[in-house]
Amino acid sequence: RFTISRDNAKDTLYLQMNNLTPEDTAVYYCNALSEALKRGATWGQ
């Protein structure tokens, strides 16, 4: 249902979501995996 992609020239990550269901309701966050593992990791809004 979902497709993750990236545009390195724009330093941008994308998530295309299709066939959404109420169970997909959530706040969605992005990060680098290595950064997410760090103590005190920074997350966006």
PDB file of all heavy atoms in Angstrom:
ATOM      1  N   ARG A   1       0.803  -1.219   0.000  1.00  0.00           N
ATOM      2  CA  ARG A   1       0.000   0.000   0.000  1.00  0.00           C
ATOM      3  C   ARG A   1       0.836   1.268   0.000  1.00  0.00           C
ATOM      4  O   ARG A   1       0.422   2.277  -0.564  1.00  0.00           O
ATOM      5  CB  ARG A   1      -0.936   0.033   1.206  1.00  0.00           C
ATOM      6  CG  ARG A   1      -1.921  -1.113   1.276  1.00  0.00           C
ATOM      7  CD  ARG A   1      -2.938  -0.882   2.382  1.00  0.00           C
ATOM      8  NE  ARG A   1      -2.304  -0.786   3.693  1.00  0.00           N
ATOM      9  CZ  ARG A   1      -2.510   0.217   4.540  1.00  0.00           C
ATOM     10  NH1 ARG A   1      -3.327   1.208   4.230  1.00  0.00           N
ATOM     11  NH2 ARG A   1      -1.897   0.215   5.727  1.00  0.00           N
ATOM     12  N   PHE A   2       1.992   1.223   0.642  1.00  0.00           N
ATOM     13  CA  PHE A   2       2.835   2.411   0.800  1.00  0.00           C
ATOM     14  C   PHE A   2       4.089   2.283  -0.051  1.00  0.00           C
ATOM     15  O   PHE A   2       4.601   1.180  -0.272  1.00  0.00           O
ATOM     16  CB  PHE A   2       3.260   2.601   2.254  1.00  0.00           C
ATOM     17  CG  PHE A   2       2.137   2.896   3.215  1.00  0.00           C
ATOM     18  CD1 PHE A   2       0.815   2.970   2.802  1.00  0.00           C
ATOM     19  CD2 PHE A   2       2.417   3.111   4.560  1.00  0.00           C
ATOM     20  CE1 PHE A   2      -0.213   3.236   3.695  1.00  0.00           C
ATOM     21  CE2 PHE A   2       1.404   3.386   5.465  1.00  0.00           C
ATOM     22  CZ  PHE A   2       0.089   3.447   5.037  1.00  0.00           C
ATOM     23  N   THR A   3       4.596   3.415  -0.512  1.00  0.00           N
ATOM     24  CA  THR A   3       5.842   3.464  -1.250  1.00  0.00           C
ATOM     25  C   THR A   3       6.733   4.535  -0.652  1.00  0.00           C
ATOM     26  O   THR A   3       6.348   5.706  -0.594  1.00  0.00           O
ATOM     27  CB  THR A   3       5.610   3.757  -2.735  1.00  0.00           C
ATOM     28  OG1 THR A   3       4.762   2.755  -3.302  1.00  0.00           O
ATOM     29  CG2 THR A   3       6.940   3.773  -3.483  1.00  0.00           C
ATOM     30  N   ILE A   4       7.916   4.130  -0.205  1.00  0.00           N
ATOM     31  CA  ILE A   4       8.888   5.078   0.308  1.00  0.00           C
ATOM     32  C   ILE A   4       9.868   5.425  -0.807  1.00  0.00           C
ATOM     33  O   ILE A   4      10.266   4.561  -1.588  1.00  0.00           O
ATOM     34  CB  ILE A   4       9.615   4.522   1.552  1.00  0.00           C
ATOM     35  CG1 ILE A   4      10.496   5.597   2.192  1.00  0.00           C
ATOM     36  CG2 ILE A   4      10.407   3.263   1.218  1.00  0.00           C
ATOM     37  CD1 ILE A   4      11.065   5.182   3.543  1.00  0.00           C
ATOM     38  N   SER A   5      10.242   6.684  -0.891  1.00  0.00           N
ATOM     39  CA  SER A   5      11.178   7.127  -1.907  1.00  0.00           C
ATOM     40  C   SER A   5      11.967   8.316  -1.369  1.00  0.00           C
ATOM     41  O   SER A   5      11.656   8.860  -0.306  1.00  0.00           O
ATOM     42  CB  SER A   5      10.465   7.485  -3.210  1.00  0.00           C
ATOM     43  OG  SER A   5       9.560   8.557  -3.013  1.00  0.00           O
ATOM     44  N   ARG A   6      12.989   8.699  -2.113  1.00  0.00           N
ATOM     45  CA  ARG A   6      13.819   9.813  -1.676  1.00  0.00           C
ATOM     46  C   ARG A   6      14.317  10.598  -2.870  1.00  0.00           C
ATOM     47  O   ARG A   6      14.471  10.057  -3.968  1.00  0.00           O
ATOM     48  CB  ARG A   6      15.005   9.305  -0.845  1.00  0.00           C
ATOM     49  CG  ARG A   6      15.994   8.439  -1.618  1.00  0.00           C
ATOM     50  CD  ARG A   6      16.907   7.652  -0.681  1.00  0.00           C
ATOM     51  NE  ARG A   6      17.688   8.523   0.169  1.00  0.00           N
ATOM     52  CZ  ARG A   6      18.304   8.137   1.280  1.00  0.00           C
ATOM     53  NH1 ARG A   6      18.212   6.867   1.683  1.00  0.00           N
ATOM     54  NH2 ARG A   6      19.002   9.007   1.995  1.00  0.00           N
ATOM     55  N   ASP A   7      14.571  11.872  -2.653  1.00  0.00           N
ATOM     56  CA  ASP A   7      15.172  12.740  -3.646  1.00  0.00           C
ATOM     57  C   ASP A   7      16.401  13.343  -2.987  1.00  0.00           C
ATOM     58  O   ASP A   7      16.306  14.299  -2.214  1.00  0.00           O
ATOM     59  CB  ASP A   7      14.201  13.830  -4.096  1.00  0.00           C
ATOM     60  CG  ASP A   7      14.751  14.682  -5.226  1.00  0.00           C
ATOM     61  OD1 ASP A   7      15.976  14.689  -5.445  1.00  0.00           O
ATOM     62  OD2 ASP A   7      13.940  15.354  -5.900  1.00  0.00           O
ATOM     63  N   ASN A   8      17.552  12.757  -3.272  1.00  0.00           N
ATOM     64  CA  ASN A   8      18.773  13.189  -2.604  1.00  0.00           C
ATOM     65  C   ASN A   8      19.185  14.605  -2.992  1.00  0.00           C
ATOM     66  O   ASN A   8      19.850  15.290  -2.214  1.00  0.00           O
ATOM     67  CB  ASN A   8      19.906  12.206  -2.908  1.00  0.00           C
ATOM     68  CG  ASN A   8      19.690  10.858  -2.258  1.00  0.00           C
ATOM     69  OD1 ASN A   8      19.046  10.759  -1.210  1.00  0.00           O
ATOM     70  ND2 ASN A   8      20.215   9.808  -2.866  1.00  0.00           N
ATOM     71  N   ALA A   9      18.804  15.043  -4.180  1.00  0.00           N
ATOM     72  CA  ALA A   9      19.125  16.401  -4.597  1.00  0.00           C
ATOM     73  C   ALA A   9      18.372  17.428  -3.771  1.00  0.00           C
ATOM     74  O   ALA A   9      18.793  18.583  -3.671  1.00  0.00           O
ATOM     75  CB  ALA A   9      18.828  16.586  -6.080  1.00  0.00           C
ATOM     76  N   LYS A  10      17.256  17.014  -3.181  1.00  0.00           N
ATOM     77  CA  LYS A  10      16.438  17.914  -2.373  1.00  0.00           C
ATOM     78  C   LYS A  10      16.488  17.579  -0.888  1.00  0.00           C
ATOM     79  O   LYS A  10      15.788  18.212  -0.090  1.00  0.00           O
ATOM     80  CB  LYS A  10      14.989  17.878  -2.860  1.00  0.00           C
ATOM     81  CG  LYS A  10      14.801  18.342  -4.290  1.00  0.00           C
ATOM     82  CD  LYS A  10      13.371  18.144  -4.764  1.00  0.00           C
ATOM     83  CE  LYS A  10      12.401  19.015  -3.988  1.00  0.00           C
ATOM     84  NZ  LYS A  10      11.019  18.909  -4.538  1.00  0.00           N
ATOM     85  N   ASP A  11      17.300  16.591  -0.507  1.00  0.00           N
ATOM     86  CA  ASP A  11      17.363  16.138   0.886  1.00  0.00           C
ATOM     87  C   ASP A  11      15.968  15.875   1.438  1.00  0.00           C
ATOM     88  O   ASP A  11      15.625  16.288   2.552  1.00  0.00           O
ATOM     89  CB  ASP A  11      18.084  17.170   1.754  1.00  0.00           C
ATOM     90  CG  ASP A  11      19.566  17.278   1.438  1.00  0.00           C
ATOM     91  OD1 ASP A  11      20.078  16.464   0.645  1.00  0.00           O
ATOM     92  OD2 ASP A  11      20.216  18.192   1.984  1.00  0.00           O
ATOM     93  N   THR A  12      15.169  15.184   0.649  1.00  0.00           N
ATOM     94  CA  THR A  12      13.769  14.983   0.986  1.00  0.00           C
ATOM     95  C   THR A  12      13.379  13.521   0.877  1.00  0.00           C
ATOM     96  O   THR A  12      13.777  12.825  -0.069  1.00  0.00           O
ATOM     97  CB  THR A  12      12.866  15.835   0.085  1.00  0.00           C
ATOM     98  OG1 THR A  12      13.210  17.219   0.235  1.00  0.00           O
ATOM     99  CG2 THR A  12      11.405  15.664   0.462  1.00  0.00           C
ATOM    100  N   LEU A  13      12.605  13.077   1.838  1.00  0.00           N
ATOM    101  CA  LEU A  13      12.062  11.728   1.896  1.00  0.00           C
ATOM    102  C   LEU A  13      10.563  11.802   1.677  1.00  0.00           C
ATOM    103  O   LEU A  13       9.915  12.757   2.111  1.00  0.00           O
ATOM    104  CB  LEU A  13      12.369  11.111   3.258  1.00  0.00           C
ATOM    105  CG  LEU A  13      11.924   9.676   3.518  1.00  0.00           C
ATOM    106  CD1 LEU A  13      12.802   8.701   2.746  1.00  0.00           C
ATOM    107  CD2 LEU A  13      11.979   9.381   5.014  1.00  0.00           C
ATOM    108  N   TYR A  14      10.012  10.790   1.021  1.00  0.00           N
ATOM    109  CA  TYR A  14       8.585  10.762   0.720  1.00  0.00           C
ATOM    110  C   TYR A  14       7.964   9.449   1.167  1.00  0.00           C
ATOM    111  O   TYR A  14       8.635   8.420   1.251  1.00  0.00           O
ATOM    112  CB  TYR A  14       8.329  10.920  -0.777  1.00  0.00           C
ATOM    113  CG  TYR A  14       8.899  12.178  -1.369  1.00  0.00           C
ATOM    114  CD1 TYR A  14      10.133  12.169  -2.004  1.00  0.00           C
ATOM    115  CD2 TYR A  14       8.203  13.384  -1.300  1.00  0.00           C
ATOM    116  CE1 TYR A  14      10.663  13.323  -2.555  1.00  0.00           C
ATOM    117  CE2 TYR A  14       8.721  14.541  -1.843  1.00  0.00           C
ATOM    118  CZ  TYR A  14       9.952  14.508  -2.473  1.00  0.00           C
ATOM    119  OH  TYR A  14      10.470  15.655  -3.009  1.00  0.00           O
ATOM    120  N   LEU A  15       6.678   9.501   1.422  1.00  0.00           N
ATOM    121  CA  LEU A  15       5.905   8.298   1.668  1.00  0.00           C
ATOM    122  C   LEU A  15       4.573   8.436   0.960  1.00  0.00           C
ATOM    123  O   LEU A  15       3.728   9.240   1.370  1.00  0.00           O
ATOM    124  CB  LEU A  15       5.684   8.062   3.167  1.00  0.00           C
ATOM    125  CG  LEU A  15       4.966   6.759   3.524  1.00  0.00           C
ATOM    126  CD1 LEU A  15       5.844   5.558   3.184  1.00  0.00           C
ATOM    127  CD2 LEU A  15       4.565   6.741   4.995  1.00  0.00           C
ATOM    128  N   GLN A  16       4.398   7.673  -0.098  1.00  0.00           N
ATOM    129  CA  GLN A  16       3.133   7.633  -0.807  1.00  0.00           C
ATOM    130  C   GLN A  16       2.267   6.558  -0.173  1.00  0.00           C
ATOM    131  O   GLN A  16       2.675   5.397  -0.100  1.00  0.00           O
ATOM    132  CB  GLN A  16       3.354   7.346  -2.287  1.00  0.00           C
ATOM    133  CG  GLN A  16       2.062   7.294  -3.100  1.00  0.00           C
ATOM    134  CD  GLN A  16       2.312   6.976  -4.556  1.00  0.00           C
ATOM    135  OE1 GLN A  16       3.090   7.653  -5.215  1.00  0.00           O
ATOM    136  NE2 GLN A  16       1.652   5.947  -5.049  1.00  0.00           N
ATOM    137  N   MET A  17       1.091   6.943   0.267  1.00  0.00           N
ATOM    138  CA  MET A  17       0.196   6.041   0.965  1.00  0.00           C
ATOM    139  C   MET A  17      -1.095   5.902   0.172  1.00  0.00           C
ATOM    140  O   MET A  17      -1.774   6.894  -0.093  1.00  0.00           O
ATOM    141  CB  MET A  17      -0.103   6.555   2.372  1.00  0.00           C
ATOM    142  CG  MET A  17       1.147   6.816   3.204  1.00  0.00           C
ATOM    143  SD  MET A  17       0.754   7.265   4.916  1.00  0.00           S
ATOM    144  CE  MET A  17      -0.081   8.834   4.638  1.00  0.00           C
ATOM    145  N   ASN A  18      -1.418   4.679  -0.188  1.00  0.00           N
ATOM    146  CA  ASN A  18      -2.635   4.377  -0.932  1.00  0.00           C
ATOM    147  C   ASN A  18      -3.522   3.443  -0.127  1.00  0.00           C
ATOM    148  O   ASN A  18      -3.066   2.780   0.805  1.00  0.00           O
ATOM    149  CB  ASN A  18      -2.296   3.734  -2.273  1.00  0.00           C
ATOM    150  CG  ASN A  18      -1.469   4.611  -3.163  1.00  0.00           C
ATOM    151  OD1 ASN A  18      -1.682   5.821  -3.233  1.00  0.00           O
ATOM    152  ND2 ASN A  18      -0.515   4.013  -3.872  1.00  0.00           N
ATOM    153  N   ASN A  19      -4.780   3.391  -0.513  1.00  0.00           N
ATOM    154  CA  ASN A  19      -5.743   2.487   0.128  1.00  0.00           C
ATOM    155  C   ASN A  19      -5.729   2.635   1.643  1.00  0.00           C
ATOM    156  O   ASN A  19      -5.674   1.654   2.384  1.00  0.00           O
ATOM    157  CB  ASN A  19      -5.461   1.036  -0.271  1.00  0.00           C
ATOM    158  CG  ASN A  19      -5.539   0.818  -1.765  1.00  0.00           C
ATOM    159  OD1 ASN A  19      -6.461   1.298  -2.418  1.00  0.00           O
ATOM    160  ND2 ASN A  19      -4.571   0.090  -2.307  1.00  0.00           N
ATOM    161  N   LEU A  20      -5.795   3.853   2.082  1.00  0.00           N
ATOM    162  CA  LEU A  20      -5.719   4.138   3.509  1.00  0.00           C
ATOM    163  C   LEU A  20      -6.942   3.614   4.252  1.00  0.00           C
ATOM    164  O   LEU A  20      -8.049   3.586   3.713  1.00  0.00           O
ATOM    165  CB  LEU A  20      -5.571   5.630   3.737  1.00  0.00           C
ATOM    166  CG  LEU A  20      -4.197   6.203   3.369  1.00  0.00           C
ATOM    167  CD1 LEU A  20      -4.274   7.709   3.216  1.00  0.00           C
ATOM    168  CD2 LEU A  20      -3.170   5.821   4.435  1.00  0.00           C
ATOM    169  N   THR A  21      -6.704   3.199   5.476  1.00  0.00           N
ATOM    170  CA  THR A  21      -7.758   2.720   6.359  1.00  0.00           C
ATOM    171  C   THR A  21      -7.705   3.512   7.660  1.00  0.00           C
ATOM    172  O   THR A  21      -6.704   4.161   7.966  1.00  0.00           O
ATOM    173  CB  THR A  21      -7.598   1.225   6.671  1.00  0.00           C
ATOM    174  OG1 THR A  21      -6.523   1.040   7.601  1.00  0.00           O
ATOM    175  CG2 THR A  21      -7.315   0.431   5.405  1.00  0.00           C
ATOM    176  N   PRO A  22      -8.783   3.468   8.449  1.00  0.00           N
ATOM    177  CA  PRO A  22      -8.751   4.174   9.735  1.00  0.00           C
ATOM    178  C   PRO A  22      -7.600   3.745  10.636  1.00  0.00           C
ATOM    179  O   PRO A  22      -7.152   4.536  11.478  1.00  0.00           O
ATOM    180  CB  PRO A  22     -10.109   3.820  10.347  1.00  0.00           C
ATOM    181  CG  PRO A  22     -10.995   3.618   9.168  1.00  0.00           C
ATOM    182  CD  PRO A  22     -10.122   2.943   8.144  1.00  0.00           C
ATOM    183  N   GLU A  23      -7.110   2.518  10.476  1.00  0.00           N
ATOM    184  CA  GLU A  23      -5.987   2.045  11.279  1.00  0.00           C
ATOM    185  C   GLU A  23      -4.692   2.766  10.947  1.00  0.00           C
ATOM    186  O   GLU A  23      -3.716   2.673  11.707  1.00  0.00           O
ATOM    187  CB  GLU A  23      -5.804   0.539  11.103  1.00  0.00           C
ATOM    188  CG  GLU A  23      -6.900  -0.320  11.751  1.00  0.00           C
ATOM    189  CD  GLU A  23      -8.240  -0.181  11.046  1.00  0.00           C
ATOM    190  OE1 GLU A  23      -8.265  -0.173   9.793  1.00  0.00           O
ATOM    191  OE2 GLU A  23      -9.268  -0.082  11.741  1.00  0.00           O
ATOM    192  N   ASP A  24      -4.654   3.470   9.826  1.00  0.00           N
ATOM    193  CA  ASP A  24      -3.476   4.247   9.456  1.00  0.00           C
ATOM    194  C   ASP A  24      -3.441   5.606  10.142  1.00  0.00           C
ATOM    195  O   ASP A  24      -2.463   6.344  10.000  1.00  0.00           O
ATOM    196  CB  ASP A  24      -3.414   4.442   7.941  1.00  0.00           C
ATOM    197  CG  ASP A  24      -3.244   3.135   7.192  1.00  0.00           C
ATOM    198  OD1 ASP A  24      -2.402   2.311   7.609  1.00  0.00           O
ATOM    199  OD2 ASP A  24      -3.947   2.936   6.183  1.00  0.00           O
ATOM    200  N   THR A  25      -4.490   5.944  10.848  1.00  0.00           N
ATOM    201  CA  THR A  25      -4.536   7.216  11.552  1.00  0.00           C
ATOM    202  C   THR A  25      -3.416   7.288  12.580  1.00  0.00           C
ATOM    203  O   THR A  25      -3.306   6.436  13.462  1.00  0.00           O
ATOM    204  CB  THR A  25      -5.893   7.401  12.233  1.00  0.00           C
ATOM    205  OG1 THR A  25      -6.913   7.500  11.236  1.00  0.00           O
ATOM    206  CG2 THR A  25      -5.908   8.665  13.080  1.00  0.00           C
ATOM    207  N   ALA A  26      -2.570   8.297  12.454  1.00  0.00           N
ATOM    208  CA  ALA A  26      -1.409   8.435  13.325  1.00  0.00           C
ATOM    209  C   ALA A  26      -0.675   9.712  12.965  1.00  0.00           C
ATOM    210  O   ALA A  26      -0.957  10.345  11.946  1.00  0.00           O
ATOM    211  CB  ALA A  26      -0.463   7.234  13.174  1.00  0.00           C
ATOM    212  N   VAL A  27       0.282  10.061  13.800  1.00  0.00           N
ATOM    213  CA  VAL A  27       1.244  11.090  13.457  1.00  0.00           C
ATOM    214  C   VAL A  27       2.443  10.401  12.837  1.00  0.00           C
ATOM    215  O   VAL A  27       2.999   9.464  13.413  1.00  0.00           O
ATOM    216  CB  VAL A  27       1.677  11.916  14.682  1.00  0.00           C
ATOM    217  CG1 VAL A  27       2.696  12.976  14.279  1.00  0.00           C
ATOM    218  CG2 VAL A  27       0.464  12.574  15.325  1.00  0.00           C
ATOM    219  N   TYR A  28       2.845  10.853  11.665  1.00  0.00           N
ATOM    220  CA  TYR A  28       3.920  10.220  10.915  1.00  0.00           C
ATOM    221  C   TYR A  28       5.199  11.033  11.046  1.00  0.00           C
ATOM    222  O   TYR A  28       5.193  12.256  10.890  1.00  0.00           O
ATOM    223  CB  TYR A  28       3.530  10.065   9.447  1.00  0.00           C
ATOM    224  CG  TYR A  28       2.548   8.945   9.223  1.00  0.00           C
ATOM    225  CD1 TYR A  28       1.225   9.070   9.642  1.00  0.00           C
ATOM    226  CD2 TYR A  28       2.933   7.746   8.615  1.00  0.00           C
ATOM    227  CE1 TYR A  28       0.321   8.037   9.471  1.00  0.00           C
ATOM    228  CE2 TYR A  28       2.035   6.713   8.435  1.00  0.00           C
ATOM    229  CZ  TYR A  28       0.725   6.863   8.864  1.00  0.00           C
ATOM    230  OH  TYR A  28      -0.173   5.833   8.686  1.00  0.00           O
ATOM    231  N   TYR A  29       6.312  10.344  11.307  1.00  0.00           N
ATOM    232  CA  TYR A  29       7.614  10.959  11.512  1.00  0.00           C
ATOM    233  C   TYR A  29       8.653  10.351  10.581  1.00  0.00           C
ATOM    234  O   TYR A  29       8.567   9.177  10.223  1.00  0.00           O
ATOM    235  CB  TYR A  29       8.098  10.744  12.942  1.00  0.00           C
ATOM    236  CG  TYR A  29       7.197  11.294  14.020  1.00  0.00           C
ATOM    237  CD1 TYR A  29       6.169  10.529  14.552  1.00  0.00           C
ATOM    238  CD2 TYR A  29       7.390  12.572  14.519  1.00  0.00           C
ATOM    239  CE1 TYR A  29       5.350  11.025  15.552  1.00  0.00           C
ATOM    240  CE2 TYR A  29       6.577  13.075  15.515  1.00  0.00           C
ATOM    241  CZ  TYR A  29       5.559  12.293  16.031  1.00  0.00           C
ATOM    242  OH  TYR A  29       4.752  12.794  17.025  1.00  0.00           O
ATOM    243  N   CYS A  30       9.639  11.142  10.238  1.00  0.00           N
ATOM    244  CA  CYS A  30      10.768  10.645   9.472  1.00  0.00           C
ATOM    245  C   CYS A  30      12.052  10.810  10.279  1.00  0.00           C
ATOM    246  O   CYS A  30      12.120  11.610  11.214  1.00  0.00           O
ATOM    247  CB  CYS A  30      10.907  11.383   8.132  1.00  0.00           C
ATOM    248  SG  CYS A  30      11.271  13.153   8.296  1.00  0.00           S
ATOM    249  N   ASN A  31      13.065  10.038   9.914  1.00  0.00           N
ATOM    250  CA  ASN A  31      14.382  10.173  10.525  1.00  0.00           C
ATOM    251  C   ASN A  31      15.340   9.223   9.836  1.00  0.00           C
ATOM    252  O   ASN A  31      14.920   8.311   9.118  1.00  0.00           O
ATOM    253  CB  ASN A  31      14.350   9.872  12.024  1.00  0.00           C
ATOM    254  CG  ASN A  31      15.351  10.694  12.823  1.00  0.00           C
ATOM    255  OD1 ASN A  31      16.347  11.183  12.278  1.00  0.00           O
ATOM    256  ND2 ASN A  31      15.092  10.849  14.110  1.00  0.00           N
ATOM    257  N   ALA A  32      16.625   9.439  10.056  1.00  0.00           N
ATOM    258  CA  ALA A  32      17.619   8.451   9.689  1.00  0.00           C
ATOM    259  C   ALA A  32      17.628   7.372  10.754  1.00  0.00           C
ATOM    260  O   ALA A  32      17.512   7.670  11.944  1.00  0.00           O
ATOM    261  CB  ALA A  32      19.001   9.097   9.567  1.00  0.00           C
ATOM    262  N   LEU A  33      17.756   6.123  10.339  1.00  0.00           N
ATOM    263  CA  LEU A  33      17.766   5.035  11.312  1.00  0.00           C
ATOM    264  C   LEU A  33      18.857   5.217  12.354  1.00  0.00           C
ATOM    265  O   LEU A  33      18.620   5.039  13.554  1.00  0.00           O
ATOM    266  CB  LEU A  33      17.935   3.692  10.607  1.00  0.00           C
ATOM    267  CG  LEU A  33      16.681   3.066  10.000  1.00  0.00           C
ATOM    268  CD1 LEU A  33      17.043   1.751   9.315  1.00  0.00           C
ATOM    269  CD2 LEU A  33      15.616   2.835  11.055  1.00  0.00           C
ATOM    270  N   SER A  34      20.049   5.582  11.918  1.00  0.00           N
ATOM    271  CA  SER A  34      21.154   5.753  12.843  1.00  0.00           C
ATOM    272  C   SER A  34      20.893   6.889  13.820  1.00  0.00           C
ATOM    273  O   SER A  34      21.281   6.815  14.987  1.00  0.00           O
ATOM    274  CB  SER A  34      22.453   5.997  12.084  1.00  0.00           C
ATOM    275  OG  SER A  34      22.363   7.148  11.267  1.00  0.00           O
ATOM    276  N   GLU A  35      20.240   7.933  13.362  1.00  0.00           N
ATOM    277  CA  GLU A  35      19.934   9.053  14.230  1.00  0.00           C
ATOM    278  C   GLU A  35      18.860   8.690  15.245  1.00  0.00           C
ATOM    279  O   GLU A  35      18.918   9.122  16.400  1.00  0.00           O
ATOM    280  CB  GLU A  35      19.486  10.263  13.415  1.00  0.00           C
ATOM    281  CG  GLU A  35      20.577  10.857  12.543  1.00  0.00           C
ATOM    282  CD  GLU A  35      21.725  11.434  13.353  1.00  0.00           C
ATOM    283  OE1 GLU A  35      21.473  12.085  14.386  1.00  0.00           O
ATOM    284  OE2 GLU A  35      22.887  11.230  12.954  1.00  0.00           O
ATOM    285  N   ALA A  36      17.895   7.900  14.825  1.00  0.00           N
ATOM    286  CA  ALA A  36      16.812   7.509  15.713  1.00  0.00           C
ATOM    287  C   ALA A  36      17.290   6.666  16.882  1.00  0.00           C
ATOM    288  O   ALA A  36      16.638   6.630  17.931  1.00  0.00           O
ATOM    289  CB  ALA A  36      15.743   6.754  14.928  1.00  0.00           C
ATOM    290  N   LEU A  37      18.415   5.979  16.716  1.00  0.00           N
ATOM    291  CA  LEU A  37      18.962   5.136  17.764  1.00  0.00           C
ATOM    292  C   LEU A  37      19.764   5.905  18.801  1.00  0.00           C
ATOM    293  O   LEU A  37      20.073   5.365  19.867  1.00  0.00           O
ATOM    294  CB  LEU A  37      19.839   4.045  17.153  1.00  0.00           C
ATOM    295  CG  LEU A  37      19.122   2.999  16.298  1.00  0.00           C
ATOM    296  CD1 LEU A  37      20.128   2.081  15.630  1.00  0.00           C
ATOM    297  CD2 LEU A  37      18.135   2.208  17.138  1.00  0.00           C
ATOM    298  N   LYS A  38      20.111   7.127  18.523  1.00  0.00           N
ATOM    299  CA  LYS A  38      20.925   7.913  19.433  1.00  0.00           C
ATOM    300  C   LYS A  38      20.142   8.335  20.665  1.00  0.00           C
ATOM    301  O   LYS A  38      18.939   8.590  20.596  1.00  0.00           O
ATOM    302  CB  LYS A  38      21.472   9.152  18.726  1.00  0.00           C
ATOM    303  CG  LYS A  38      22.488   8.849  17.646  1.00  0.00           C
ATOM    304  CD  LYS A  38      22.999  10.128  17.005  1.00  0.00           C
ATOM    305  CE  LYS A  38      24.059   9.843  15.969  1.00  0.00           C
ATOM    306  NZ  LYS A  38      24.552  11.086  15.327  1.00  0.00           N
ATOM    307  N   ARG A  39      20.854   8.396  21.787  1.00  0.00           N
ATOM    308  CA  ARG A  39      20.246   8.918  22.989  1.00  0.00           C
ATOM    309  C   ARG A  39      19.908  10.391  22.771  1.00  0.00           C
ATOM    310  O   ARG A  39      20.715  11.153  22.247  1.00  0.00           O
ATOM    311  CB  ARG A  39      21.182   8.761  24.178  1.00  0.00           C
ATOM    312  CG  ARG A  39      21.538   7.311  24.475  1.00  0.00           C
ATOM    313  CD  ARG A  39      22.537   7.202  25.613  1.00  0.00           C
ATOM    314  NE  ARG A  39      21.957   7.569  26.894  1.00  0.00           N
ATOM    315  CZ  ARG A  39      21.299   6.731  27.674  1.00  0.00           C
ATOM    316  NH1 ARG A  39      21.137   5.459  27.323  1.00  0.00           N
ATOM    317  NH2 ARG A  39      20.799   7.154  28.827  1.00  0.00           N
ATOM    318  N   GLY A  40      18.729  10.784  23.158  1.00  0.00           N
ATOM    319  CA  GLY A  40      18.294  12.146  22.940  1.00  0.00           C
ATOM    320  C   GLY A  40      18.101  12.485  21.484  1.00  0.00           C
ATOM    321  O   GLY A  40      18.335  13.628  21.072  1.00  0.00           O
ATOM    322  N   ALA A  41      17.684  11.512  20.700  1.00  0.00           N
ATOM    323  CA  ALA A  41      17.493  11.704  19.271  1.00  0.00           C
ATOM    324  C   ALA A  41      16.527  12.844  18.998  1.00  0.00           C
ATOM    325  O   ALA A  41      15.561  13.061  19.732  1.00  0.00           O
ATOM    326  CB  ALA A  41      16.994  10.422  18.626  1.00  0.00           C
ATOM    327  N   THR A  42      16.801  13.562  17.933  1.00  0.00           N
ATOM    328  CA  THR A  42      15.949  14.653  17.514  1.00  0.00           C
ATOM    329  C   THR A  42      14.874  14.142  16.567  1.00  0.00           C
ATOM    330  O   THR A  42      15.165  13.416  15.617  1.00  0.00           O
ATOM    331  CB  THR A  42      16.767  15.746  16.813  1.00  0.00           C
ATOM    332  OG1 THR A  42      17.721  16.287  17.728  1.00  0.00           O
ATOM    333  CG2 THR A  42      15.862  16.859  16.306  1.00  0.00           C
ATOM    334  N   TRP A  43      13.653  14.523  16.841  1.00  0.00           N
ATOM    335  CA  TRP A  43      12.516  14.191  15.989  1.00  0.00           C
ATOM    336  C   TRP A  43      11.814  15.463  15.570  1.00  0.00           C
ATOM    337  O   TRP A  43      11.821  16.463  16.290  1.00  0.00           O
ATOM    338  CB  TRP A  43      11.531  13.278  16.714  1.00  0.00           C
ATOM    339  CG  TRP A  43      12.093  11.932  17.039  1.00  0.00           C
ATOM    340  CD1 TRP A  43      12.802  11.582  18.151  1.00  0.00           C
ATOM    341  CD2 TRP A  43      11.998  10.756  16.238  1.00  0.00           C
ATOM    342  NE1 TRP A  43      13.153  10.251  18.086  1.00  0.00           N
ATOM    343  CE2 TRP A  43      12.674   9.719  16.930  1.00  0.00           C
ATOM    344  CE3 TRP A  43      11.408  10.471  15.005  1.00  0.00           C
ATOM    345  CZ2 TRP A  43      12.771   8.423  16.428  1.00  0.00           C
ATOM    346  CZ3 TRP A  43      11.505   9.187  14.503  1.00  0.00           C
ATOM    347  CH2 TRP A  43      12.183   8.179  15.220  1.00  0.00           C
ATOM    348  N   GLY A  44      11.197  15.423  14.406  1.00  0.00           N
ATOM    349  CA  GLY A  44      10.416  16.548  13.952  1.00  0.00           C
ATOM    350  C   GLY A  44       9.063  16.588  14.624  1.00  0.00           C
ATOM    351  O   GLY A  44       8.767  15.816  15.543  1.00  0.00           O
ATOM    352  N   GLN A  45       8.234  17.510  14.159  1.00  0.00           N
ATOM    353  CA  GLN A  45       6.905  17.663  14.746  1.00  0.00           C
ATOM    354  C   GLN A  45       5.933  16.593  14.265  1.00  0.00           C
ATOM    355  O   GLN A  45       4.871  16.414  14.861  1.00  0.00           O
ATOM    356  CB  GLN A  45       6.350  19.057  14.421  1.00  0.00           C
ATOM    357  CG  GLN A  45       5.706  19.199  13.039  1.00  0.00           C
ATOM    358  CD  GLN A  45       6.707  19.265  11.886  1.00  0.00           C
ATOM    359  OE1 GLN A  45       7.916  19.257  12.083  1.00  0.00           O
ATOM    360  NE2 GLN A  45       6.170  19.332  10.672  1.00  0.00           N
TER     361      GLN A  45
END
